Amino acid sequence: MLTYSRGGLVGLGVVLTAITIRSRHKLLGGALLVGAAFLVIALAPGAWMARMDRFIQGDLDQTANQRLVAWGTAWRFSKDYPLMGGGFNVLPNPNVFLRYEPRPLPAI
């Protein structure tokens, strides 16, 4: 939970929300989610809070921006090849990547 992973935080939030929505005990699940969020906010270290605050405000570092561009590229590619995809070696090909790239990659 407190690994400083922004993607992990988003993933955990999405999964827990989906589990709550599909549960028979939605009210209890929602209350537990809210309670857990308050505990995290109250007990998390200041450095973790600062990193997540920058993430929530959209102030992403270059690696996070590169990851978002890569995910967008993979998403756009998958819309053209929804059943079989392209395999592991298709997006490392610069010609394919540039064709599906939603915006230029930020430099490191």
PDB file of N, CA and C in Angstrom:
ATOM      1  N   MET A   1       0.820  -1.199   0.000  1.00  0.00           N
ATOM      2  CA  MET A   1       0.000   0.000   0.000  1.00  0.00           C
ATOM      3  C   MET A   1       0.861   1.258   0.000  1.00  0.00           C
ATOM      4  N   LEU A   2       1.884   1.287   0.814  1.00  0.00           N
ATOM      5  CA  LEU A   2       2.685   2.507   0.928  1.00  0.00           C
ATOM      6  C   LEU A   2       4.052   2.336   0.271  1.00  0.00           C
ATOM      7  N   THR A   3       4.069   1.817  -0.951  1.00  0.00           N
ATOM      8  CA  THR A   3       5.325   1.561  -1.648  1.00  0.00           C
ATOM      9  C   THR A   3       5.768   2.737  -2.510  1.00  0.00           C
ATOM     10  N   TYR A   4       5.046   3.832  -2.498  1.00  0.00           N
ATOM     11  CA  TYR A   4       5.318   5.001  -3.329  1.00  0.00           C
ATOM     12  C   TYR A   4       4.992   4.744  -4.797  1.00  0.00           C
ATOM     13  N   SER A   5       4.301   3.672  -5.093  1.00  0.00           N
ATOM     14  CA  SER A   5       3.929   3.350  -6.465  1.00  0.00           C
ATOM     15  C   SER A   5       2.599   4.016  -6.804  1.00  0.00           C
ATOM     16  N   ARG A   6       2.653   4.964  -7.726  1.00  0.00           N
ATOM     17  CA  ARG A   6       1.422   5.656  -8.125  1.00  0.00           C
ATOM     18  C   ARG A   6       0.499   4.722  -8.883  1.00  0.00           C
ATOM     19  N   GLY A   7       1.068   3.899  -9.753  1.00  0.00           N
ATOM     20  CA  GLY A   7       0.261   2.932 -10.487  1.00  0.00           C
ATOM     21  C   GLY A   7      -0.384   1.913  -9.567  1.00  0.00           C
ATOM     22  N   GLY A   8       0.369   1.506  -8.541  1.00  0.00           N
ATOM     23  CA  GLY A   8      -0.183   0.573  -7.556  1.00  0.00           C
ATOM     24  C   GLY A   8      -1.349   1.182  -6.799  1.00  0.00           C
ATOM     25  N   LEU A   9      -1.231   2.461  -6.472  1.00  0.00           N
ATOM     26  CA  LEU A   9      -2.315   3.150  -5.771  1.00  0.00           C
ATOM     27  C   LEU A   9      -3.570   3.213  -6.637  1.00  0.00           C
ATOM     28  N   VAL A  10      -3.395   3.569  -7.902  1.00  0.00           N
ATOM     29  CA  VAL A  10      -4.548   3.642  -8.809  1.00  0.00           C
ATOM     30  C   VAL A  10      -5.148   2.251  -9.000  1.00  0.00           C
ATOM     31  N   GLY A  11      -4.295   1.263  -9.241  1.00  0.00           N
ATOM     32  CA  GLY A  11      -4.776  -0.102  -9.432  1.00  0.00           C
ATOM     33  C   GLY A  11      -5.529  -0.631  -8.223  1.00  0.00           C
ATOM     34  N   LEU A  12      -4.976  -0.393  -7.043  1.00  0.00           N
ATOM     35  CA  LEU A  12      -5.642  -0.833  -5.817  1.00  0.00           C
ATOM     36  C   LEU A  12      -6.999  -0.153  -5.655  1.00  0.00           C
ATOM     37  N   GLY A  13      -7.045   1.134  -5.937  1.00  0.00           N
ATOM     38  CA  GLY A  13      -8.311   1.860  -5.835  1.00  0.00           C
ATOM     39  C   GLY A  13      -9.364   1.328  -6.799  1.00  0.00           C
ATOM     40  N   VAL A  14      -8.949   1.042  -8.029  1.00  0.00           N
ATOM     41  CA  VAL A  14      -9.888   0.528  -9.031  1.00  0.00           C
ATOM     42  C   VAL A  14     -10.387  -0.862  -8.637  1.00  0.00           C
ATOM     43  N   VAL A  15      -9.478  -1.729  -8.224  1.00  0.00           N
ATOM     44  CA  VAL A  15      -9.865  -3.092  -7.864  1.00  0.00           C
ATOM     45  C   VAL A  15     -10.781  -3.095  -6.641  1.00  0.00           C
ATOM     46  N   LEU A  16     -10.428  -2.336  -5.614  1.00  0.00           N
ATOM     47  CA  LEU A  16     -11.275  -2.305  -4.418  1.00  0.00           C
ATOM     48  C   LEU A  16     -12.647  -1.704  -4.712  1.00  0.00           C
ATOM     49  N   THR A  17     -12.697  -0.701  -5.563  1.00  0.00           N
ATOM     50  CA  THR A  17     -13.989  -0.123  -5.947  1.00  0.00           C
ATOM     51  C   THR A  17     -14.822  -1.129  -6.726  1.00  0.00           C
ATOM     52  N   ALA A  18     -14.194  -1.852  -7.657  1.00  0.00           N
ATOM     53  CA  ALA A  18     -14.925  -2.866  -8.426  1.00  0.00           C
ATOM     54  C   ALA A  18     -15.449  -3.976  -7.520  1.00  0.00           C
ATOM     55  N   ILE A  19     -14.629  -4.406  -6.566  1.00  0.00           N
ATOM     56  CA  ILE A  19     -15.074  -5.446  -5.631  1.00  0.00           C
ATOM     57  C   ILE A  19     -16.260  -4.942  -4.811  1.00  0.00           C
ATOM     58  N   THR A  20     -16.199  -3.700  -4.375  1.00  0.00           N
ATOM     59  CA  THR A  20     -17.295  -3.121  -3.599  1.00  0.00           C
ATOM     60  C   THR A  20     -18.573  -3.042  -4.424  1.00  0.00           C
ATOM     61  N   ILE A  21     -18.457  -2.620  -5.667  1.00  0.00           N
ATOM     62  CA  ILE A  21     -19.640  -2.479  -6.528  1.00  0.00           C
ATOM     63  C   ILE A  21     -20.283  -3.835  -6.798  1.00  0.00           C
ATOM     64  N   ARG A  22     -19.472  -4.879  -6.961  1.00  0.00           N
ATOM     65  CA  ARG A  22     -20.005  -6.199  -7.270  1.00  0.00           C
ATOM     66  C   ARG A  22     -20.426  -6.983  -6.021  1.00  0.00           C
ATOM     67  N   SER A  23     -20.135  -6.447  -4.864  1.00  0.00           N
ATOM     68  CA  SER A  23     -20.440  -7.134  -3.616  1.00  0.00           C
ATOM     69  C   SER A  23     -21.926  -7.047  -3.282  1.00  0.00           C
ATOM     70  N   ARG A  24     -22.375  -8.007  -2.477  1.00  0.00           N
ATOM     71  CA  ARG A  24     -23.750  -7.943  -1.984  1.00  0.00           C
ATOM     72  C   ARG A  24     -23.877  -6.930  -0.853  1.00  0.00           C
ATOM     73  N   HIS A  25     -22.759  -6.561  -0.258  1.00  0.00           N
ATOM     74  CA  HIS A  25     -22.740  -5.637   0.881  1.00  0.00           C
ATOM     75  C   HIS A  25     -22.082  -4.317   0.466  1.00  0.00           C
ATOM     76  N   LYS A  26     -22.734  -3.619  -0.444  1.00  0.00           N
ATOM     77  CA  LYS A  26     -22.164  -2.395  -0.997  1.00  0.00           C
ATOM     78  C   LYS A  26     -21.969  -1.304   0.050  1.00  0.00           C
ATOM     79  N   LEU A  27     -22.908  -1.142   0.916  1.00  0.00           N
ATOM     80  CA  LEU A  27     -22.821  -0.096   1.933  1.00  0.00           C
ATOM     81  C   LEU A  27     -21.644  -0.359   2.885  1.00  0.00           C
ATOM     82  N   LEU A  28     -21.510  -1.591   3.326  1.00  0.00           N
ATOM     83  CA  LEU A  28     -20.393  -1.947   4.200  1.00  0.00           C
ATOM     84  C   LEU A  28     -19.056  -1.787   3.472  1.00  0.00           C
ATOM     85  N   GLY A  29     -18.992  -2.239   2.229  1.00  0.00           N
ATOM     86  CA  GLY A  29     -17.769  -2.100   1.442  1.00  0.00           C
ATOM     87  C   GLY A  29     -17.394  -0.652   1.224  1.00  0.00           C
ATOM     88  N   GLY A  30     -18.390   0.185   0.923  1.00  0.00           N
ATOM     89  CA  GLY A  30     -18.131   1.615   0.750  1.00  0.00           C
ATOM     90  C   GLY A  30     -17.632   2.256   2.029  1.00  0.00           C
ATOM     91  N   ALA A  31     -18.226   1.873   3.149  1.00  0.00           N
ATOM     92  CA  ALA A  31     -17.787   2.415   4.437  1.00  0.00           C
ATOM     93  C   ALA A  31     -16.354   1.981   4.746  1.00  0.00           C
ATOM     94  N   LEU A  32     -16.021   0.744   4.437  1.00  0.00           N
ATOM     95  CA  LEU A  32     -14.654   0.269   4.652  1.00  0.00           C
ATOM     96  C   LEU A  32     -13.657   0.999   3.757  1.00  0.00           C
ATOM     97  N   LEU A  33     -14.043   1.254   2.506  1.00  0.00           N
ATOM     98  CA  LEU A  33     -13.172   2.019   1.599  1.00  0.00           C
ATOM     99  C   LEU A  33     -12.908   3.417   2.133  1.00  0.00           C
ATOM    100  N   VAL A  34     -13.958   4.085   2.578  1.00  0.00           N
ATOM    101  CA  VAL A  34     -13.798   5.436   3.114  1.00  0.00           C
ATOM    102  C   VAL A  34     -12.950   5.405   4.381  1.00  0.00           C
ATOM    103  N   GLY A  35     -13.200   4.441   5.252  1.00  0.00           N
ATOM    104  CA  GLY A  35     -12.409   4.317   6.473  1.00  0.00           C
ATOM    105  C   GLY A  35     -10.941   4.042   6.181  1.00  0.00           C
ATOM    106  N   ALA A  36     -10.674   3.172   5.205  1.00  0.00           N
ATOM    107  CA  ALA A  36      -9.292   2.875   4.830  1.00  0.00           C
ATOM    108  C   ALA A  36      -8.606   4.105   4.245  1.00  0.00           C
ATOM    109  N   ALA A  37      -9.343   4.883   3.448  1.00  0.00           N
ATOM    110  CA  ALA A  37      -8.770   6.109   2.873  1.00  0.00           C
ATOM    111  C   ALA A  37      -8.397   7.094   3.979  1.00  0.00           C
ATOM    112  N   PHE A  38      -9.251   7.238   4.969  1.00  0.00           N
ATOM    113  CA  PHE A  38      -8.933   8.139   6.086  1.00  0.00           C
ATOM    114  C   PHE A  38      -7.721   7.647   6.876  1.00  0.00           C
ATOM    115  N   LEU A  39      -7.620   6.335   7.081  1.00  0.00           N
ATOM    116  CA  LEU A  39      -6.463   5.791   7.788  1.00  0.00           C
ATOM    117  C   LEU A  39      -5.165   6.036   7.017  1.00  0.00           C
ATOM    118  N   VAL A  40      -5.220   5.831   5.707  1.00  0.00           N
ATOM    119  CA  VAL A  40      -4.030   6.067   4.892  1.00  0.00           C
ATOM    120  C   VAL A  40      -3.625   7.533   4.962  1.00  0.00           C
ATOM    121  N   ILE A  41      -4.583   8.422   4.833  1.00  0.00           N
ATOM    122  CA  ILE A  41      -4.275   9.855   4.888  1.00  0.00           C
ATOM    123  C   ILE A  41      -3.718  10.242   6.250  1.00  0.00           C
ATOM    124  N   ALA A  42      -4.235   9.645   7.301  1.00  0.00           N
ATOM    125  CA  ALA A  42      -3.787  10.002   8.645  1.00  0.00           C
ATOM    126  C   ALA A  42      -2.429   9.403   9.002  1.00  0.00           C
ATOM    127  N   LEU A  43      -2.117   8.204   8.483  1.00  0.00           N
ATOM    128  CA  LEU A  43      -0.921   7.500   8.926  1.00  0.00           C
ATOM    129  C   LEU A  43       0.222   7.465   7.915  1.00  0.00           C
ATOM    130  N   ALA A  44      -0.020   7.906   6.699  1.00  0.00           N
ATOM    131  CA  ALA A  44       1.017   7.829   5.661  1.00  0.00           C
ATOM    132  C   ALA A  44       2.140   8.820   5.936  1.00  0.00           C
ATOM    133  N   PRO A  45       3.375   8.444   5.594  1.00  0.00           N
ATOM    134  CA  PRO A  45       4.497   9.365   5.758  1.00  0.00           C
ATOM    135  C   PRO A  45       4.346  10.597   4.871  1.00  0.00           C
ATOM    136  N   GLY A  46       4.964  11.675   5.284  1.00  0.00           N
ATOM    137  CA  GLY A  46       4.873  12.930   4.535  1.00  0.00           C
ATOM    138  C   GLY A  46       5.409  12.831   3.123  1.00  0.00           C
ATOM    139  N   ALA A  47       6.487  12.071   2.937  1.00  0.00           N
ATOM    140  CA  ALA A  47       7.057  11.924   1.591  1.00  0.00           C
ATOM    141  C   ALA A  47       6.085  11.196   0.662  1.00  0.00           C
ATOM    142  N   TRP A  48       5.376  10.184   1.188  1.00  0.00           N
ATOM    143  CA  TRP A  48       4.393   9.463   0.379  1.00  0.00           C
ATOM    144  C   TRP A  48       3.241  10.395   0.002  1.00  0.00           C
ATOM    145  N   MET A  49       2.784  11.171   0.977  1.00  0.00           N
ATOM    146  CA  MET A  49       1.690  12.115   0.712  1.00  0.00           C
ATOM    147  C   MET A  49       2.106  13.140  -0.337  1.00  0.00           C
ATOM    148  N   ALA A  50       3.339  13.639  -0.268  1.00  0.00           N
ATOM    149  CA  ALA A  50       3.815  14.619  -1.244  1.00  0.00           C
ATOM    150  C   ALA A  50       3.863  14.007  -2.643  1.00  0.00           C
ATOM    151  N   ARG A  51       4.339  12.766  -2.752  1.00  0.00           N
ATOM    152  CA  ARG A  51       4.418  12.111  -4.069  1.00  0.00           C
ATOM    153  C   ARG A  51       3.021  11.886  -4.642  1.00  0.00           C
ATOM    154  N   MET A  52       2.098  11.416  -3.828  1.00  0.00           N
ATOM    155  CA  MET A  52       0.742  11.165  -4.316  1.00  0.00           C
ATOM    156  C   MET A  52       0.007  12.476  -4.608  1.00  0.00           C
ATOM    157  N   ASP A  53       0.300  13.515  -3.846  1.00  0.00           N
ATOM    158  CA  ASP A  53      -0.333  14.807  -4.089  1.00  0.00           C
ATOM    159  C   ASP A  53       0.083  15.357  -5.450  1.00  0.00           C
ATOM    160  N   ARG A  54       1.372  15.241  -5.779  1.00  0.00           N
ATOM    161  CA  ARG A  54       1.836  15.684  -7.105  1.00  0.00           C
ATOM    162  C   ARG A  54       1.157  14.870  -8.196  1.00  0.00           C
ATOM    163  N   PHE A  55       0.981  13.579  -7.956  1.00  0.00           N
ATOM    164  CA  PHE A  55       0.335  12.694  -8.929  1.00  0.00           C
ATOM    165  C   PHE A  55      -1.124  13.091  -9.139  1.00  0.00           C
ATOM    166  N   ILE A  56      -1.828  13.347  -8.060  1.00  0.00           N
ATOM    167  CA  ILE A  56      -3.246  13.705  -8.147  1.00  0.00           C
ATOM    168  C   ILE A  56      -3.431  15.043  -8.851  1.00  0.00           C
ATOM    169  N   GLN A  57      -2.504  15.967  -8.635  1.00  0.00           N
ATOM    170  CA  GLN A  57      -2.587  17.282  -9.280  1.00  0.00           C
ATOM    171  C   GLN A  57      -2.138  17.252 -10.738  1.00  0.00           C
ATOM    172  N   GLY A  58      -1.616  16.114 -11.202  1.00  0.00           N
ATOM    173  CA  GLY A  58      -1.202  16.001 -12.591  1.00  0.00           C
ATOM    174  C   GLY A  58       0.240  16.410 -12.834  1.00  0.00           C
ATOM    175  N   ASP A  59       1.011  16.658 -11.784  1.00  0.00           N
ATOM    176  CA  ASP A  59       2.414  17.029 -11.911  1.00  0.00           C
ATOM    177  C   ASP A  59       3.236  15.747 -11.944  1.00  0.00           C
ATOM    178  N   LEU A  60       3.332  15.127 -13.126  1.00  0.00           N
ATOM    179  CA  LEU A  60       3.990  13.841 -13.260  1.00  0.00           C
ATOM    180  C   LEU A  60       5.432  14.005 -13.706  1.00  0.00           C
ATOM    181  N   ASP A  61       6.288  13.105 -13.245  1.00  0.00           N
ATOM    182  CA  ASP A  61       7.667  13.136 -13.711  1.00  0.00           C
ATOM    183  C   ASP A  61       7.741  12.496 -15.095  1.00  0.00           C
ATOM    184  N   GLN A  62       8.927  12.507 -15.679  1.00  0.00           N
ATOM    185  CA  GLN A  62       9.074  12.042 -17.056  1.00  0.00           C
ATOM    186  C   GLN A  62       8.776  10.556 -17.210  1.00  0.00           C
ATOM    187  N   THR A  63       9.151   9.746 -16.241  1.00  0.00           N
ATOM    188  CA  THR A  63       8.881   8.315 -16.376  1.00  0.00           C
ATOM    189  C   THR A  63       7.388   8.025 -16.335  1.00  0.00           C
ATOM    190  N   ALA A  64       6.646   8.761 -15.521  1.00  0.00           N
ATOM    191  CA  ALA A  64       5.193   8.569 -15.479  1.00  0.00           C
ATOM    192  C   ALA A  64       4.571   9.009 -16.803  1.00  0.00           C
ATOM    193  N   ASN A  65       5.040  10.115 -17.352  1.00  0.00           N
ATOM    194  CA  ASN A  65       4.530  10.570 -18.652  1.00  0.00           C
ATOM    195  C   ASN A  65       4.866   9.570 -19.750  1.00  0.00           C
ATOM    196  N   GLN A  66       6.076   8.997 -19.720  1.00  0.00           N
ATOM    197  CA  GLN A  66       6.439   7.993 -20.715  1.00  0.00           C
ATOM    198  C   GLN A  66       5.551   6.763 -20.601  1.00  0.00           C
ATOM    199  N   ARG A  67       5.253   6.375 -19.387  1.00  0.00           N
ATOM    200  CA  ARG A  67       4.384   5.214 -19.172  1.00  0.00           C
ATOM    201  C   ARG A  67       2.983   5.486 -19.727  1.00  0.00           C
ATOM    202  N   LEU A  68       2.466   6.686 -19.503  1.00  0.00           N
ATOM    203  CA  LEU A  68       1.137   7.026 -20.028  1.00  0.00           C
ATOM    204  C   LEU A  68       1.124   7.022 -21.554  1.00  0.00           C
ATOM    205  N   VAL A  69       2.187   7.533 -22.164  1.00  0.00           N
ATOM    206  CA  VAL A  69       2.277   7.506 -23.627  1.00  0.00           C
ATOM    207  C   VAL A  69       2.340   6.055 -24.120  1.00  0.00           C
ATOM    208  N   ALA A  70       3.118   5.218 -23.446  1.00  0.00           N
ATOM    209  CA  ALA A  70       3.226   3.813 -23.847  1.00  0.00           C
ATOM    210  C   ALA A  70       1.880   3.101 -23.714  1.00  0.00           C
ATOM    211  N   TRP A  71       1.160   3.364 -22.624  1.00  0.00           N
ATOM    212  CA  TRP A  71      -0.158   2.753 -22.460  1.00  0.00           C
ATOM    213  C   TRP A  71      -1.123   3.238 -23.538  1.00  0.00           C
ATOM    214  N   GLY A  72      -1.078   4.528 -23.843  1.00  0.00           N
ATOM    215  CA  GLY A  72      -1.936   5.062 -24.904  1.00  0.00           C
ATOM    216  C   GLY A  72      -1.611   4.450 -26.248  1.00  0.00           C
ATOM    217  N   THR A  73      -0.331   4.240 -26.515  1.00  0.00           N
ATOM    218  CA  THR A  73       0.083   3.612 -27.769  1.00  0.00           C
ATOM    219  C   THR A  73      -0.424   2.182 -27.833  1.00  0.00           C
ATOM    220  N   ALA A  74      -0.269   1.437 -26.762  1.00  0.00           N
ATOM    221  CA  ALA A  74      -0.756   0.056 -26.728  1.00  0.00           C
ATOM    222  C   ALA A  74      -2.278   0.011 -26.882  1.00  0.00           C
ATOM    223  N   TRP A  75      -2.974   0.948 -26.268  1.00  0.00           N
ATOM    224  CA  TRP A  75      -4.440   0.992 -26.387  1.00  0.00           C
ATOM    225  C   TRP A  75      -4.856   1.255 -27.827  1.00  0.00           C
ATOM    226  N   ARG A  76      -4.222   2.218 -28.465  1.00  0.00           N
ATOM    227  CA  ARG A  76      -4.561   2.535 -29.862  1.00  0.00           C
ATOM    228  C   ARG A  76      -4.248   1.364 -30.779  1.00  0.00           C
ATOM    229  N   PHE A  77      -3.140   0.672 -30.538  1.00  0.00           N
ATOM    230  CA  PHE A  77      -2.805  -0.506 -31.333  1.00  0.00           C
ATOM    231  C   PHE A  77      -3.837  -1.605 -31.125  1.00  0.00           C
ATOM    232  N   SER A  78      -4.251  -1.828 -29.883  1.00  0.00           N
ATOM    233  CA  SER A  78      -5.202  -2.906 -29.591  1.00  0.00           C
ATOM    234  C   SER A  78      -6.572  -2.655 -30.209  1.00  0.00           C
ATOM    235  N   LYS A  79      -6.911  -1.402 -30.467  1.00  0.00           N
ATOM    236  CA  LYS A  79      -8.196  -1.136 -31.127  1.00  0.00           C
ATOM    237  C   LYS A  79      -8.157  -1.587 -32.585  1.00  0.00           C
ATOM    238  N   ASP A  80      -6.989  -1.563 -33.225  1.00  0.00           N
ATOM    239  CA  ASP A  80      -6.874  -2.050 -34.599  1.00  0.00           C
ATOM    240  C   ASP A  80      -6.737  -3.570 -34.673  1.00  0.00           C
ATOM    241  N   TYR A  81      -6.209  -4.194 -33.625  1.00  0.00           N
ATOM    242  CA  TYR A  81      -5.991  -5.644 -33.590  1.00  0.00           C
ATOM    243  C   TYR A  81      -6.555  -6.227 -32.295  1.00  0.00           C
ATOM    244  N   PRO A  82      -7.904  -6.194 -32.134  1.00  0.00           N
ATOM    245  CA  PRO A  82      -8.490  -6.547 -30.840  1.00  0.00           C
ATOM    246  C   PRO A  82      -8.419  -8.036 -30.485  1.00  0.00           C
ATOM    247  N   LEU A  83      -8.426  -8.931 -31.453  1.00  0.00           N
ATOM    248  CA  LEU A  83      -8.475 -10.349 -31.119  1.00  0.00           C
ATOM    249  C   LEU A  83      -7.106 -10.956 -30.854  1.00  0.00           C
ATOM    250  N   MET A  84      -6.163 -10.701 -31.711  1.00  0.00           N
ATOM    251  CA  MET A  84      -4.860 -11.340 -31.589  1.00  0.00           C
ATOM    252  C   MET A  84      -3.772 -10.405 -31.087  1.00  0.00           C
ATOM    253  N   GLY A  85      -4.001  -9.116 -31.138  1.00  0.00           N
ATOM    254  CA  GLY A  85      -2.980  -8.176 -30.701  1.00  0.00           C
ATOM    255  C   GLY A  85      -1.771  -8.230 -31.597  1.00  0.00           C
ATOM    256  N   GLY A  86      -0.635  -7.883 -31.072  1.00  0.00           N
ATOM    257  CA  GLY A  86       0.572  -7.873 -31.878  1.00  0.00           C
ATOM    258  C   GLY A  86       1.710  -8.654 -31.262  1.00  0.00           C
ATOM    259  N   GLY A  87       1.536  -9.174 -30.086  1.00  0.00           N
ATOM    260  CA  GLY A  87       2.614  -9.892 -29.427  1.00  0.00           C
ATOM    261  C   GLY A  87       3.541  -8.938 -28.686  1.00  0.00           C
ATOM    262  N   PHE A  88       4.577  -9.494 -28.124  1.00  0.00           N
ATOM    263  CA  PHE A  88       5.498  -8.705 -27.311  1.00  0.00           C
ATOM    264  C   PHE A  88       6.463  -7.869 -28.144  1.00  0.00           C
ATOM    265  N   ASN A  89       6.677  -8.225 -29.391  1.00  0.00           N
ATOM    266  CA  ASN A  89       7.719  -7.574 -30.178  1.00  0.00           C
ATOM    267  C   ASN A  89       7.197  -6.526 -31.150  1.00  0.00           C
ATOM    268  N   VAL A  90       5.913  -6.234 -31.145  1.00  0.00           N
ATOM    269  CA  VAL A  90       5.399  -5.301 -32.151  1.00  0.00           C
ATOM    270  C   VAL A  90       5.646  -3.841 -31.757  1.00  0.00           C
ATOM    271  N   LEU A  91       5.422  -3.463 -30.522  1.00  0.00           N
ATOM    272  CA  LEU A  91       5.582  -2.055 -30.150  1.00  0.00           C
ATOM    273  C   LEU A  91       7.030  -1.612 -29.985  1.00  0.00           C
ATOM    274  N   PRO A  92       7.982  -2.502 -29.707  1.00  0.00           N
ATOM    275  CA  PRO A  92       9.374  -2.031 -29.754  1.00  0.00           C
ATOM    276  C   PRO A  92       9.826  -1.638 -31.158  1.00  0.00           C
ATOM    277  N   ASN A  93       9.089  -2.046 -32.177  1.00  0.00           N
ATOM    278  CA  ASN A  93       9.402  -1.623 -33.543  1.00  0.00           C
ATOM    279  C   ASN A  93       9.097  -0.131 -33.660  1.00  0.00           C
ATOM    280  N   PRO A  94      10.108   0.708 -33.939  1.00  0.00           N
ATOM    281  CA  PRO A  94       9.884   2.171 -33.959  1.00  0.00           C
ATOM    282  C   PRO A  94       8.825   2.618 -34.953  1.00  0.00           C
ATOM    283  N   ASN A  95       8.742   1.965 -36.107  1.00  0.00           N
ATOM    284  CA  ASN A  95       7.756   2.366 -37.118  1.00  0.00           C
ATOM    285  C   ASN A  95       6.331   2.144 -36.618  1.00  0.00           C
ATOM    286  N   VAL A  96       6.102   1.006 -35.974  1.00  0.00           N
ATOM    287  CA  VAL A  96       4.769   0.702 -35.444  1.00  0.00           C
ATOM    288  C   VAL A  96       4.457   1.633 -34.279  1.00  0.00           C
ATOM    289  N   PHE A  97       5.434   1.806 -33.381  1.00  0.00           N
ATOM    290  CA  PHE A  97       5.204   2.656 -32.213  1.00  0.00           C
ATOM    291  C   PHE A  97       4.853   4.073 -32.631  1.00  0.00           C
ATOM    292  N   LEU A  98       5.601   4.633 -33.581  1.00  0.00           N
ATOM    293  CA  LEU A  98       5.345   6.011 -34.006  1.00  0.00           C
ATOM    294  C   LEU A  98       3.995   6.162 -34.701  1.00  0.00           C
ATOM    295  N   ARG A  99       3.543   5.106 -35.375  1.00  0.00           N
ATOM    296  CA  ARG A  99       2.244   5.172 -36.052  1.00  0.00           C
ATOM    297  C   ARG A  99       1.092   5.257 -35.051  1.00  0.00           C
ATOM    298  N   TYR A 100       1.218   4.599 -33.900  1.00  0.00           N
ATOM    299  CA  TYR A 100       0.142   4.551 -32.920  1.00  0.00           C
ATOM    300  C   TYR A 100       0.348   5.478 -31.724  1.00  0.00           C
ATOM    301  N   GLU A 101       1.463   6.140 -31.673  1.00  0.00           N
ATOM    302  CA  GLU A 101       1.801   7.011 -30.548  1.00  0.00           C
ATOM    303  C   GLU A 101       0.822   8.185 -30.454  1.00  0.00           C
ATOM    304  N   PRO A 102       0.152   8.378 -29.293  1.00  0.00           N
ATOM    305  CA  PRO A 102      -0.823   9.471 -29.175  1.00  0.00           C
ATOM    306  C   PRO A 102      -0.167  10.846 -29.093  1.00  0.00           C
ATOM    307  N   ARG A 103       1.035  10.922 -28.520  1.00  0.00           N
ATOM    308  CA  ARG A 103       1.786  12.168 -28.440  1.00  0.00           C
ATOM    309  C   ARG A 103       3.259  11.798 -28.263  1.00  0.00           C
ATOM    310  N   PRO A 104       4.172  12.675 -28.573  1.00  0.00           N
ATOM    311  CA  PRO A 104       5.593  12.328 -28.479  1.00  0.00           C
ATOM    312  C   PRO A 104       6.005  11.961 -27.048  1.00  0.00           C
ATOM    313  N   LEU A 105       6.928  11.037 -26.965  1.00  0.00           N
ATOM    314  CA  LEU A 105       7.466  10.638 -25.665  1.00  0.00           C
ATOM    315  C   LEU A 105       8.291  11.769 -25.072  1.00  0.00           C
ATOM    316  N   PRO A 106       8.143  12.068 -23.791  1.00  0.00           N
ATOM    317  CA  PRO A 106       9.025  13.042 -23.149  1.00  0.00           C
ATOM    318  C   PRO A 106      10.413  12.439 -22.999  1.00  0.00           C
ATOM    319  N   ALA A 107      11.430  13.252 -23.159  1.00  0.00           N
ATOM    320  CA  ALA A 107      12.812  12.781 -23.053  1.00  0.00           C
ATOM    321  C   ALA A 107      13.198  12.622 -21.583  1.00  0.00           C
ATOM    322  N   ILE A 108      14.073  11.667 -21.334  1.00  0.00           N
ATOM    323  CA  ILE A 108      14.570  11.485 -19.960  1.00  0.00           C
ATOM    324  C   ILE A 108      15.824  12.307 -19.791  1.00  0.00           C
TER     325      ILE A 108
END
